[in-house]
Amino acid sequence: MGELKSALEIAMEKGKKMSGEEGEFRLTPSHKNEIAEMRRVYEAKIAVAEVGNFGSGP
């Protein structure tokens, strides 16, 4: 049976097939900015959840 692949590996293969590129996938500055914004948003959501759970200890 074939080797299991991560979601990232599968996505990278799909991206190569769709773009017709066989080389390395490169993010544009716009993509990098979008990813950074998503990280900021979710880091803030995690922080809020952690603070909300702070008072619910044993």
C-alpha atoms as a PDB file:
ATOM      1  CA  MET A   1       0.000   0.000   0.000  1.00  0.00           C
ATOM      2  CA  GLY A   2       1.172   3.599  -0.582  1.00  0.00           C
ATOM      3  CA  GLU A   3       2.704   5.904   1.962  1.00  0.00           C
ATOM      4  CA  LEU A   4       0.334   8.124   3.967  1.00  0.00           C
ATOM      5  CA  LYS A   5       0.604  11.833   3.200  1.00  0.00           C
ATOM      6  CA  SER A   6      -0.111  14.852   5.350  1.00  0.00           C
ATOM      7  CA  ALA A   7      -2.776  17.364   4.387  1.00  0.00           C
ATOM      8  CA  LEU A   8      -0.001  19.836   3.556  1.00  0.00           C
ATOM      9  CA  GLU A   9       1.674  17.396   1.152  1.00  0.00           C
ATOM     10  CA  ILE A  10      -1.634  16.703  -0.591  1.00  0.00           C
ATOM     11  CA  ALA A  11      -2.405  20.422  -0.871  1.00  0.00           C
ATOM     12  CA  MET A  12       1.045  21.157  -2.275  1.00  0.00           C
ATOM     13  CA  GLU A  13       0.613  18.445  -4.919  1.00  0.00           C
ATOM     14  CA  LYS A  14      -2.790  19.833  -5.881  1.00  0.00           C
ATOM     15  CA  GLY A  15      -1.333  23.326  -6.127  1.00  0.00           C
ATOM     16  CA  LYS A  16       1.407  22.120  -8.447  1.00  0.00           C
ATOM     17  CA  LYS A  17      -1.092  20.314 -10.659  1.00  0.00           C
ATOM     18  CA  MET A  18      -3.401  23.338 -10.828  1.00  0.00           C
ATOM     19  CA  SER A  19      -0.655  25.836 -11.595  1.00  0.00           C
ATOM     20  CA  GLY A  20       1.209  23.546 -13.952  1.00  0.00           C
ATOM     21  CA  GLU A  21       4.402  24.126 -11.995  1.00  0.00           C
ATOM     22  CA  GLU A  22       6.673  21.311 -11.010  1.00  0.00           C
ATOM     23  CA  GLY A  23       9.004  23.556  -9.030  1.00  0.00           C
ATOM     24  CA  GLU A  24       8.714  24.729  -5.453  1.00  0.00           C
ATOM     25  CA  PHE A  25       5.492  26.499  -4.430  1.00  0.00           C
ATOM     26  CA  ARG A  26       6.035  30.134  -3.427  1.00  0.00           C
ATOM     27  CA  LEU A  27       3.684  32.362  -1.463  1.00  0.00           C
ATOM     28  CA  THR A  28       3.122  35.891  -2.682  1.00  0.00           C
ATOM     29  CA  PRO A  29       3.517  38.793  -0.246  1.00  0.00           C
ATOM     30  CA  SER A  30      -0.284  39.103  -0.301  1.00  0.00           C
ATOM     31  CA  HIS A  31      -0.680  35.460   0.748  1.00  0.00           C
ATOM     32  CA  LYS A  32       1.883  35.919   3.507  1.00  0.00           C
ATOM     33  CA  ASN A  33      -0.007  38.958   4.815  1.00  0.00           C
ATOM     34  CA  GLU A  34      -3.298  37.041   4.808  1.00  0.00           C
ATOM     35  CA  ILE A  35      -1.722  34.158   6.718  1.00  0.00           C
ATOM     36  CA  ALA A  36      -0.195  36.562   9.263  1.00  0.00           C
ATOM     37  CA  GLU A  37      -3.593  38.213   9.784  1.00  0.00           C
ATOM     38  CA  MET A  38      -5.285  34.841  10.302  1.00  0.00           C
ATOM     39  CA  ARG A  39      -2.633  33.902  12.863  1.00  0.00           C
ATOM     40  CA  ARG A  40      -3.172  37.174  14.752  1.00  0.00           C
ATOM     41  CA  VAL A  41      -6.939  36.664  14.819  1.00  0.00           C
ATOM     42  CA  TYR A  42      -6.736  33.083  16.078  1.00  0.00           C
ATOM     43  CA  GLU A  43      -3.976  33.838  18.595  1.00  0.00           C
ATOM     44  CA  ALA A  44      -6.288  36.507  20.027  1.00  0.00           C
ATOM     45  CA  LYS A  45      -9.214  34.049  20.139  1.00  0.00           C
ATOM     46  CA  ILE A  46      -7.038  31.510  21.955  1.00  0.00           C
ATOM     47  CA  ALA A  47      -5.912  34.159  24.445  1.00  0.00           C
ATOM     48  CA  VAL A  48      -9.527  35.150  25.149  1.00  0.00           C
ATOM     49  CA  ALA A  49     -10.468  31.500  25.682  1.00  0.00           C
ATOM     50  CA  GLU A  50      -7.520  30.988  28.032  1.00  0.00           C
ATOM     51  CA  VAL A  51      -8.429  34.059  30.079  1.00  0.00           C
ATOM     52  CA  GLY A  52     -12.030  32.891  30.224  1.00  0.00           C
ATOM     53  CA  ASN A  53     -10.879  29.537  31.603  1.00  0.00           C
ATOM     54  CA  PHE A  54      -8.502  31.117  34.123  1.00  0.00           C
ATOM     55  CA  GLY A  55     -11.113  31.416  36.852  1.00  0.00           C
ATOM     56  CA  SER A  56     -12.603  27.957  36.385  1.00  0.00           C
ATOM     57  CA  GLY A  57      -9.820  26.045  38.139  1.00  0.00           C
ATOM     58  CA  PRO A  58     -10.320  23.401  40.855  1.00  0.00           C
END
